[in-house]
């Protein structure tokens, strides 16, 4: 003899699930929500995460994801290819310099370790920066104004 309360419970659960499926189907058939444009580039700040695109004109290794983060207090940190680094950044107008950078000491593939050494060395040469708000890029330059690192807004 079937128990009516179990049958009724099964019916309610099945009807609820079916209703959810129909509702989600109706939502899927509705027009897509408008795509929101990216925020305006005006006022793009150095104080954010930047992803390295080029180091000393030699590019970067795909999927290495080298980064640079600078906060308003001047703390600099990031991923240098194999390890994490941190230190102090001094910013005065368009002038920028990095103090001694400390980092973790993990070993990686030789190519990543070479890129890391090149990146950290390039940061040591930085004396100024400019932000290209249209392209959403941060360009770090040495004392002669030569580009040493190019980064994209992360």
N, C-alpha and C. Protein backbone atom coordinates (compact mmCIF):
# COMPACT_ATOMS: atom_id res chain seq x y z
N UNK A 1 0.83 -1.17 0.00
CA UNK A 1 0.00 0.00 0.00
C UNK A 1 0.89 1.25 0.00
N UNK A 2 0.79 2.10 -1.03
CA UNK A 2 1.63 3.30 -1.09
C UNK A 2 1.22 4.31 -0.03
N UNK A 3 2.20 5.05 0.43
CA UNK A 3 1.92 6.08 1.42
C UNK A 3 1.63 7.39 0.68
N UNK A 4 0.44 7.96 0.87
CA UNK A 4 0.05 9.15 0.11
C UNK A 4 0.95 10.36 0.38
N UNK A 5 1.45 10.52 1.60
CA UNK A 5 2.27 11.70 1.88
C UNK A 5 3.61 11.63 1.14
N UNK A 6 4.15 10.44 0.92
CA UNK A 6 5.38 10.32 0.13
C UNK A 6 5.12 10.61 -1.33
N UNK A 7 4.01 10.14 -1.84
CA UNK A 7 3.66 10.38 -3.24
C UNK A 7 3.45 11.87 -3.47
N UNK A 8 2.71 12.49 -2.58
CA UNK A 8 2.47 13.92 -2.70
C UNK A 8 3.79 14.69 -2.61
N UNK A 9 4.69 14.29 -1.70
CA UNK A 9 5.99 14.95 -1.57
C UNK A 9 6.78 14.80 -2.86
N UNK A 10 6.78 13.59 -3.43
CA UNK A 10 7.49 13.39 -4.69
C UNK A 10 6.92 14.27 -5.79
N UNK A 11 5.57 14.39 -5.81
CA UNK A 11 4.93 15.22 -6.82
C UNK A 11 5.35 16.69 -6.66
N UNK A 12 5.34 17.18 -5.44
CA UNK A 12 5.70 18.58 -5.18
C UNK A 12 7.15 18.83 -5.58
N UNK A 13 8.04 17.92 -5.23
CA UNK A 13 9.46 18.08 -5.59
C UNK A 13 9.62 18.05 -7.11
N UNK A 14 8.97 17.10 -7.77
CA UNK A 14 9.07 17.00 -9.22
C UNK A 14 8.50 18.24 -9.90
N UNK A 15 7.37 18.74 -9.42
CA UNK A 15 6.76 19.94 -10.01
C UNK A 15 7.65 21.16 -9.80
N UNK A 16 8.26 21.24 -8.62
CA UNK A 16 9.16 22.36 -8.35
C UNK A 16 10.36 22.33 -9.27
N UNK A 17 10.97 21.16 -9.41
CA UNK A 17 12.12 21.03 -10.29
C UNK A 17 11.75 21.32 -11.74
N UNK A 18 10.61 20.83 -12.17
CA UNK A 18 10.16 21.09 -13.54
C UNK A 18 9.92 22.59 -13.74
N UNK A 19 9.32 23.23 -12.77
CA UNK A 19 9.09 24.68 -12.86
C UNK A 19 10.38 25.46 -12.95
N UNK A 20 11.38 25.04 -12.19
CA UNK A 20 12.69 25.69 -12.25
C UNK A 20 13.30 25.52 -13.63
N UNK A 21 13.15 24.34 -14.18
CA UNK A 21 13.70 24.08 -15.51
C UNK A 21 13.02 24.94 -16.55
N UNK A 22 11.69 25.09 -16.46
CA UNK A 22 10.99 25.94 -17.40
C UNK A 22 11.37 27.39 -17.23
N UNK A 23 11.54 27.82 -15.98
CA UNK A 23 11.93 29.20 -15.72
C UNK A 23 13.32 29.48 -16.26
N UNK A 24 14.25 28.56 -16.04
CA UNK A 24 15.60 28.80 -16.53
C UNK A 24 15.62 28.76 -18.05
N UNK A 25 14.76 27.92 -18.67
CA UNK A 25 14.66 27.90 -20.12
C UNK A 25 14.12 29.21 -20.64
N UNK A 26 13.13 29.76 -19.94
CA UNK A 26 12.56 31.04 -20.35
C UNK A 26 13.61 32.14 -20.25
N UNK A 27 14.40 32.08 -19.20
CA UNK A 27 15.47 33.08 -19.06
C UNK A 27 16.50 32.93 -20.16
N UNK A 28 16.82 31.69 -20.51
CA UNK A 28 17.82 31.46 -21.55
C UNK A 28 17.33 31.96 -22.89
N UNK A 29 15.99 31.93 -23.12
CA UNK A 29 15.44 32.38 -24.38
C UNK A 29 15.24 33.89 -24.43
N UNK A 30 15.37 34.54 -23.29
CA UNK A 30 15.16 35.98 -23.27
C UNK A 30 16.35 36.68 -23.91
N UNK A 31 16.16 37.89 -24.38
CA UNK A 31 17.28 38.61 -24.98
C UNK A 31 18.42 38.75 -23.99
N UNK A 32 19.63 38.72 -24.51
CA UNK A 32 20.81 38.82 -23.64
C UNK A 32 20.85 40.20 -23.00
N UNK A 33 21.42 40.24 -21.81
CA UNK A 33 21.59 41.52 -21.13
C UNK A 33 22.59 42.35 -21.93
N UNK A 34 22.43 43.65 -21.94
CA UNK A 34 23.38 44.47 -22.69
C UNK A 34 24.79 44.31 -22.14
N UNK A 35 25.75 44.33 -23.02
CA UNK A 35 27.15 44.22 -22.63
C UNK A 35 27.59 45.58 -22.12
N UNK A 36 28.11 45.59 -20.91
CA UNK A 36 28.56 46.84 -20.32
C UNK A 36 29.93 47.19 -20.86
N UNK A 37 30.18 48.41 -21.25
CA UNK A 37 31.50 48.78 -21.73
C UNK A 37 32.50 48.76 -20.58
N UNK A 38 33.78 48.62 -20.94
CA UNK A 38 34.82 48.67 -19.92
C UNK A 38 34.82 50.05 -19.30
N UNK A 39 35.26 50.14 -18.06
CA UNK A 39 35.31 51.45 -17.43
C UNK A 39 36.21 52.38 -18.22
N UNK A 40 35.89 53.64 -18.19
CA UNK A 40 36.71 54.62 -18.90
C UNK A 40 38.13 54.58 -18.38
N UNK A 41 39.07 54.78 -19.28
CA UNK A 41 40.48 54.70 -18.92
C UNK A 41 40.94 55.95 -18.19
N UNK A 42 40.15 57.04 -18.24
CA UNK A 42 40.57 58.27 -17.58
C UNK A 42 40.89 57.97 -16.12
N UNK A 43 42.02 58.49 -15.68
CA UNK A 43 42.39 58.32 -14.30
C UNK A 43 42.98 56.96 -13.98
N UNK A 44 43.39 56.20 -14.99
CA UNK A 44 44.04 54.91 -14.74
C UNK A 44 45.25 55.16 -13.84
N UNK A 45 45.30 54.46 -12.74
CA UNK A 45 46.30 54.72 -11.71
C UNK A 45 47.39 53.66 -11.71
N UNK A 46 48.57 54.07 -11.30
CA UNK A 46 49.67 53.12 -11.14
C UNK A 46 49.37 52.16 -9.99
N UNK A 47 48.48 52.55 -9.10
CA UNK A 47 48.18 51.76 -7.90
C UNK A 47 47.16 50.66 -8.21
N UNK A 48 47.65 49.56 -8.77
CA UNK A 48 46.80 48.45 -9.17
C UNK A 48 47.69 47.28 -9.55
N UNK A 49 47.09 46.19 -9.99
CA UNK A 49 47.89 45.08 -10.51
C UNK A 49 48.16 45.31 -11.99
N UNK A 50 49.41 45.11 -12.37
CA UNK A 50 49.84 45.21 -13.76
C UNK A 50 50.44 43.87 -14.17
N UNK A 51 50.22 43.47 -15.41
CA UNK A 51 50.74 42.21 -15.93
C UNK A 51 51.82 42.54 -16.96
N UNK A 52 52.98 41.95 -16.79
CA UNK A 52 54.14 42.25 -17.64
C UNK A 52 53.93 41.68 -19.04
N UNK A 53 54.15 42.54 -20.04
CA UNK A 53 54.07 42.13 -21.44
C UNK A 53 55.45 42.02 -22.09
N UNK A 54 56.39 42.84 -21.59
CA UNK A 54 57.72 42.85 -22.20
C UNK A 54 58.76 43.26 -21.16
N UNK A 55 59.92 42.60 -21.23
CA UNK A 55 61.05 42.94 -20.36
C UNK A 55 62.26 43.16 -21.25
N UNK A 56 62.78 44.38 -21.24
CA UNK A 56 64.00 44.73 -21.96
C UNK A 56 63.94 44.35 -23.45
N UNK A 57 62.75 44.49 -24.05
CA UNK A 57 62.60 44.21 -25.47
C UNK A 57 62.59 42.74 -25.85
N UNK A 58 62.60 41.84 -24.87
CA UNK A 58 62.66 40.42 -25.17
C UNK A 58 61.38 39.66 -24.95
N UNK A 59 60.27 40.35 -24.69
CA UNK A 59 59.01 39.67 -24.44
C UNK A 59 59.02 38.93 -23.12
N UNK A 60 58.08 38.04 -22.96
CA UNK A 60 57.99 37.19 -21.77
C UNK A 60 57.58 35.80 -22.22
N UNK A 61 57.76 34.83 -21.36
CA UNK A 61 57.35 33.46 -21.64
C UNK A 61 55.84 33.35 -21.49
N UNK A 62 55.20 32.74 -22.49
CA UNK A 62 53.75 32.54 -22.40
C UNK A 62 53.40 31.84 -21.10
N UNK A 63 52.31 32.27 -20.49
CA UNK A 63 51.76 31.70 -19.26
C UNK A 63 52.65 31.90 -18.03
N UNK A 64 53.71 32.68 -18.12
CA UNK A 64 54.54 32.94 -16.94
C UNK A 64 53.82 33.89 -15.97
N UNK A 65 53.02 34.80 -16.49
CA UNK A 65 52.25 35.79 -15.73
C UNK A 65 53.08 36.52 -14.68
N UNK A 66 54.02 37.30 -15.16
CA UNK A 66 54.78 38.19 -14.29
C UNK A 66 53.87 39.37 -13.95
N UNK A 67 53.92 39.82 -12.71
CA UNK A 67 53.04 40.91 -12.30
C UNK A 67 53.80 41.94 -11.48
N UNK A 68 53.16 43.09 -11.33
CA UNK A 68 53.65 44.15 -10.47
C UNK A 68 52.43 44.80 -9.82
N UNK A 69 52.47 44.90 -8.50
CA UNK A 69 51.43 45.59 -7.73
C UNK A 69 52.11 46.69 -6.93
N UNK A 70 51.56 47.88 -7.00
CA UNK A 70 52.05 48.99 -6.18
C UNK A 70 50.84 49.57 -5.48
N UNK A 71 50.93 49.74 -4.16
CA UNK A 71 49.80 50.36 -3.45
C UNK A 71 50.14 51.79 -3.08
N UNK A 72 49.14 52.51 -2.56
CA UNK A 72 49.30 53.93 -2.25
C UNK A 72 50.37 54.20 -1.20
N UNK A 73 50.69 53.20 -0.39
CA UNK A 73 51.72 53.36 0.64
C UNK A 73 53.12 53.10 0.07
N UNK A 74 53.20 52.74 -1.20
CA UNK A 74 54.49 52.50 -1.82
C UNK A 74 54.99 51.07 -1.70
N UNK A 75 54.14 50.17 -1.23
CA UNK A 75 54.54 48.77 -1.17
C UNK A 75 54.45 48.18 -2.57
N UNK A 76 55.52 47.56 -3.00
CA UNK A 76 55.57 46.91 -4.31
C UNK A 76 55.66 45.41 -4.09
N UNK A 77 54.97 44.66 -4.92
CA UNK A 77 55.01 43.21 -4.84
C UNK A 77 54.62 42.65 -6.20
N UNK A 78 54.80 41.36 -6.34
CA UNK A 78 54.36 40.73 -7.58
C UNK A 78 54.93 39.34 -7.73
N UNK A 79 54.72 38.82 -8.92
CA UNK A 79 55.23 37.50 -9.29
C UNK A 79 56.29 37.74 -10.35
N UNK A 80 57.47 37.19 -10.14
CA UNK A 80 58.59 37.45 -11.04
C UNK A 80 58.89 36.29 -11.99
N UNK A 81 57.97 35.37 -12.12
CA UNK A 81 58.15 34.26 -13.04
C UNK A 81 58.20 32.94 -12.31
N UNK A 82 59.03 32.90 -11.30
CA UNK A 82 59.19 31.69 -10.50
C UNK A 82 58.82 31.96 -9.04
N UNK A 83 59.12 33.14 -8.59
CA UNK A 83 58.96 33.51 -7.19
C UNK A 83 58.10 34.75 -7.02
N UNK A 84 57.71 35.01 -5.79
CA UNK A 84 57.03 36.24 -5.41
C UNK A 84 58.09 37.20 -4.89
N UNK A 85 57.87 38.49 -5.10
CA UNK A 85 58.80 39.50 -4.58
C UNK A 85 58.02 40.60 -3.89
N UNK A 86 58.73 41.34 -3.05
CA UNK A 86 58.13 42.48 -2.37
C UNK A 86 59.24 43.46 -2.02
N UNK A 87 58.84 44.72 -1.87
CA UNK A 87 59.79 45.77 -1.53
C UNK A 87 59.09 47.11 -1.50
N UNK A 88 59.87 48.15 -1.68
CA UNK A 88 59.34 49.51 -1.59
C UNK A 88 59.50 50.22 -2.94
N UNK A 89 58.48 50.97 -3.33
CA UNK A 89 58.52 51.81 -4.52
C UNK A 89 58.42 53.26 -4.07
N UNK A 90 59.22 54.12 -4.69
CA UNK A 90 59.16 55.54 -4.41
C UNK A 90 58.65 56.24 -5.66
N UNK A 91 57.54 56.97 -5.50
CA UNK A 91 56.91 57.65 -6.62
C UNK A 91 56.86 59.13 -6.32
N UNK A 92 57.33 59.94 -7.28
CA UNK A 92 57.28 61.39 -7.16
C UNK A 92 56.98 61.94 -8.55
N UNK A 93 55.72 62.28 -8.78
CA UNK A 93 55.30 62.70 -10.11
C UNK A 93 55.41 61.53 -11.07
N UNK A 94 56.22 61.70 -12.13
CA UNK A 94 56.43 60.59 -13.07
C UNK A 94 57.72 59.84 -12.77
N UNK A 95 58.35 60.15 -11.66
CA UNK A 95 59.58 59.46 -11.25
C UNK A 95 59.20 58.24 -10.42
N UNK A 96 59.91 57.16 -10.65
CA UNK A 96 59.63 55.91 -9.95
C UNK A 96 60.94 55.17 -9.75
N UNK A 97 61.14 54.67 -8.55
CA UNK A 97 62.30 53.81 -8.29
C UNK A 97 61.89 52.75 -7.28
N UNK A 98 62.60 51.66 -7.34
CA UNK A 98 62.34 50.55 -6.43
C UNK A 98 63.54 50.39 -5.52
N UNK A 99 63.26 50.20 -4.21
CA UNK A 99 64.32 49.88 -3.26
C UNK A 99 64.70 48.42 -3.43
N UNK A 100 65.48 47.92 -2.49
CA UNK A 100 65.86 46.51 -2.54
C UNK A 100 64.60 45.64 -2.51
N UNK A 101 64.56 44.65 -3.39
CA UNK A 101 63.41 43.76 -3.46
C UNK A 101 63.78 42.41 -2.86
N UNK A 102 62.94 41.92 -1.97
CA UNK A 102 63.14 40.60 -1.37
C UNK A 102 62.19 39.64 -2.05
N UNK A 103 62.53 38.37 -2.04
CA UNK A 103 61.65 37.40 -2.68
C UNK A 103 61.82 36.00 -2.14
N UNK A 104 60.89 35.17 -2.54
CA UNK A 104 61.01 33.76 -2.19
C UNK A 104 62.15 33.16 -3.01
N UNK A 105 62.55 31.95 -2.69
CA UNK A 105 63.71 31.34 -3.35
C UNK A 105 63.41 29.95 -3.88
N UNK A 106 62.33 29.81 -4.63
CA UNK A 106 62.01 28.52 -5.22
C UNK A 106 62.79 28.37 -6.52
N UNK A 107 63.10 27.14 -6.84
CA UNK A 107 63.78 26.86 -8.11
C UNK A 107 62.74 26.48 -9.15
N UNK A 108 62.98 26.91 -10.39
CA UNK A 108 62.07 26.62 -11.50
C UNK A 108 62.90 26.23 -12.70
N UNK A 109 62.22 26.07 -13.81
CA UNK A 109 62.91 25.79 -15.06
C UNK A 109 63.89 26.92 -15.35
N UNK A 110 64.99 26.59 -15.97
CA UNK A 110 66.05 27.57 -16.21
C UNK A 110 65.54 28.79 -16.98
N UNK A 111 64.68 28.59 -17.97
CA UNK A 111 64.16 29.72 -18.75
C UNK A 111 63.37 30.68 -17.86
N UNK A 112 62.57 30.17 -16.94
CA UNK A 112 61.83 31.03 -16.02
C UNK A 112 62.77 31.75 -15.07
N UNK A 113 63.77 31.06 -14.60
CA UNK A 113 64.74 31.69 -13.68
C UNK A 113 65.50 32.81 -14.40
N UNK A 114 65.83 32.59 -15.67
CA UNK A 114 66.51 33.63 -16.46
C UNK A 114 65.61 34.84 -16.65
N UNK A 115 64.34 34.59 -16.98
CA UNK A 115 63.38 35.69 -17.16
C UNK A 115 63.19 36.45 -15.85
N UNK A 116 63.10 35.73 -14.75
CA UNK A 116 62.95 36.36 -13.44
C UNK A 116 64.13 37.28 -13.14
N UNK A 117 65.33 36.80 -13.39
CA UNK A 117 66.53 37.61 -13.15
C UNK A 117 66.52 38.87 -14.02
N UNK A 118 66.10 38.71 -15.27
CA UNK A 118 66.03 39.84 -16.19
C UNK A 118 64.98 40.86 -15.73
N UNK A 119 63.82 40.37 -15.28
CA UNK A 119 62.74 41.24 -14.82
C UNK A 119 63.15 42.01 -13.57
N UNK A 120 63.67 41.32 -12.59
CA UNK A 120 64.08 42.00 -11.35
C UNK A 120 65.22 42.98 -11.62
N UNK A 121 66.12 42.61 -12.52
CA UNK A 121 67.19 43.53 -12.91
C UNK A 121 66.64 44.77 -13.58
N UNK A 122 65.64 44.60 -14.44
CA UNK A 122 65.01 45.73 -15.12
C UNK A 122 64.32 46.66 -14.11
N UNK A 123 63.66 46.08 -13.10
CA UNK A 123 63.02 46.92 -12.08
C UNK A 123 64.06 47.77 -11.35
N UNK A 124 65.25 47.23 -11.18
CA UNK A 124 66.32 47.99 -10.54
C UNK A 124 66.80 49.16 -11.36
N UNK A 125 66.54 49.17 -12.66
CA UNK A 125 66.96 50.26 -13.56
C UNK A 125 65.90 51.34 -13.72
N UNK A 126 64.70 51.10 -13.23
CA UNK A 126 63.59 52.02 -13.46
C UNK A 126 63.83 53.36 -12.77
N UNK A 127 63.59 54.45 -13.53
CA UNK A 127 63.69 55.78 -12.92
C UNK A 127 62.46 56.64 -13.21
N UNK A 128 61.62 56.21 -14.16
CA UNK A 128 60.40 56.96 -14.44
C UNK A 128 59.36 56.03 -15.06
N UNK A 129 58.15 56.55 -15.19
CA UNK A 129 57.06 55.77 -15.78
C UNK A 129 56.12 56.69 -16.52
N UNK A 130 55.34 56.09 -17.39
CA UNK A 130 54.22 56.79 -18.01
C UNK A 130 53.09 55.78 -18.18
N UNK A 131 51.88 56.29 -18.11
CA UNK A 131 50.70 55.45 -18.29
C UNK A 131 50.03 55.87 -19.59
N UNK A 132 49.82 54.90 -20.46
CA UNK A 132 49.08 55.11 -21.70
C UNK A 132 47.65 54.68 -21.40
N UNK A 133 46.79 55.65 -21.12
CA UNK A 133 45.42 55.34 -20.70
C UNK A 133 44.60 54.74 -21.82
N UNK A 134 44.88 55.11 -23.06
CA UNK A 134 44.14 54.56 -24.20
C UNK A 134 44.42 53.08 -24.36
N UNK A 135 45.69 52.70 -24.28
CA UNK A 135 46.08 51.31 -24.44
C UNK A 135 46.05 50.54 -23.12
N UNK A 136 45.85 51.25 -22.00
CA UNK A 136 45.84 50.66 -20.65
C UNK A 136 47.17 49.98 -20.34
N UNK A 137 48.26 50.72 -20.60
CA UNK A 137 49.61 50.21 -20.41
C UNK A 137 50.37 51.09 -19.42
N UNK A 138 51.29 50.45 -18.72
CA UNK A 138 52.25 51.14 -17.86
C UNK A 138 53.61 50.86 -18.46
N UNK A 139 54.35 51.92 -18.75
CA UNK A 139 55.68 51.78 -19.32
C UNK A 139 56.70 52.27 -18.29
N UNK A 140 57.63 51.39 -17.92
CA UNK A 140 58.69 51.74 -16.99
C UNK A 140 59.95 52.02 -17.80
N UNK A 141 60.61 53.14 -17.48
CA UNK A 141 61.77 53.58 -18.26
C UNK A 141 62.99 53.78 -17.38
N UNK A 142 64.16 53.64 -17.99
CA UNK A 142 65.42 53.86 -17.27
C UNK A 142 65.77 55.35 -17.30
N UNK A 143 66.94 55.70 -16.79
CA UNK A 143 67.36 57.10 -16.68
C UNK A 143 67.47 57.79 -18.03
N UNK A 144 67.72 57.03 -19.10
CA UNK A 144 67.83 57.61 -20.44
C UNK A 144 66.47 57.70 -21.14
N UNK A 145 65.40 57.26 -20.47
CA UNK A 145 64.08 57.29 -21.06
C UNK A 145 63.77 56.08 -21.92
N UNK A 146 64.63 55.07 -21.89
CA UNK A 146 64.42 53.85 -22.67
C UNK A 146 63.48 52.92 -21.92
N UNK A 147 62.52 52.34 -22.66
CA UNK A 147 61.58 51.41 -22.06
C UNK A 147 62.31 50.16 -21.59
N UNK A 148 62.10 49.80 -20.31
CA UNK A 148 62.70 48.57 -19.79
C UNK A 148 61.66 47.51 -19.46
N UNK A 149 60.45 47.94 -19.11
CA UNK A 149 59.35 47.00 -18.84
C UNK A 149 58.06 47.65 -19.32
N UNK A 150 57.23 46.86 -20.02
CA UNK A 150 55.89 47.31 -20.42
C UNK A 150 54.88 46.36 -19.80
N UNK A 151 53.86 46.94 -19.20
CA UNK A 151 52.85 46.16 -18.49
C UNK A 151 51.45 46.58 -18.95
N UNK A 152 50.51 45.68 -18.80
CA UNK A 152 49.10 45.95 -19.11
C UNK A 152 48.29 45.94 -17.83
N UNK A 153 47.25 46.76 -17.80
CA UNK A 153 46.37 46.77 -16.63
C UNK A 153 45.78 45.39 -16.44
N UNK A 154 45.89 44.86 -15.21
CA UNK A 154 45.41 43.52 -14.90
C UNK A 154 43.96 43.48 -14.58
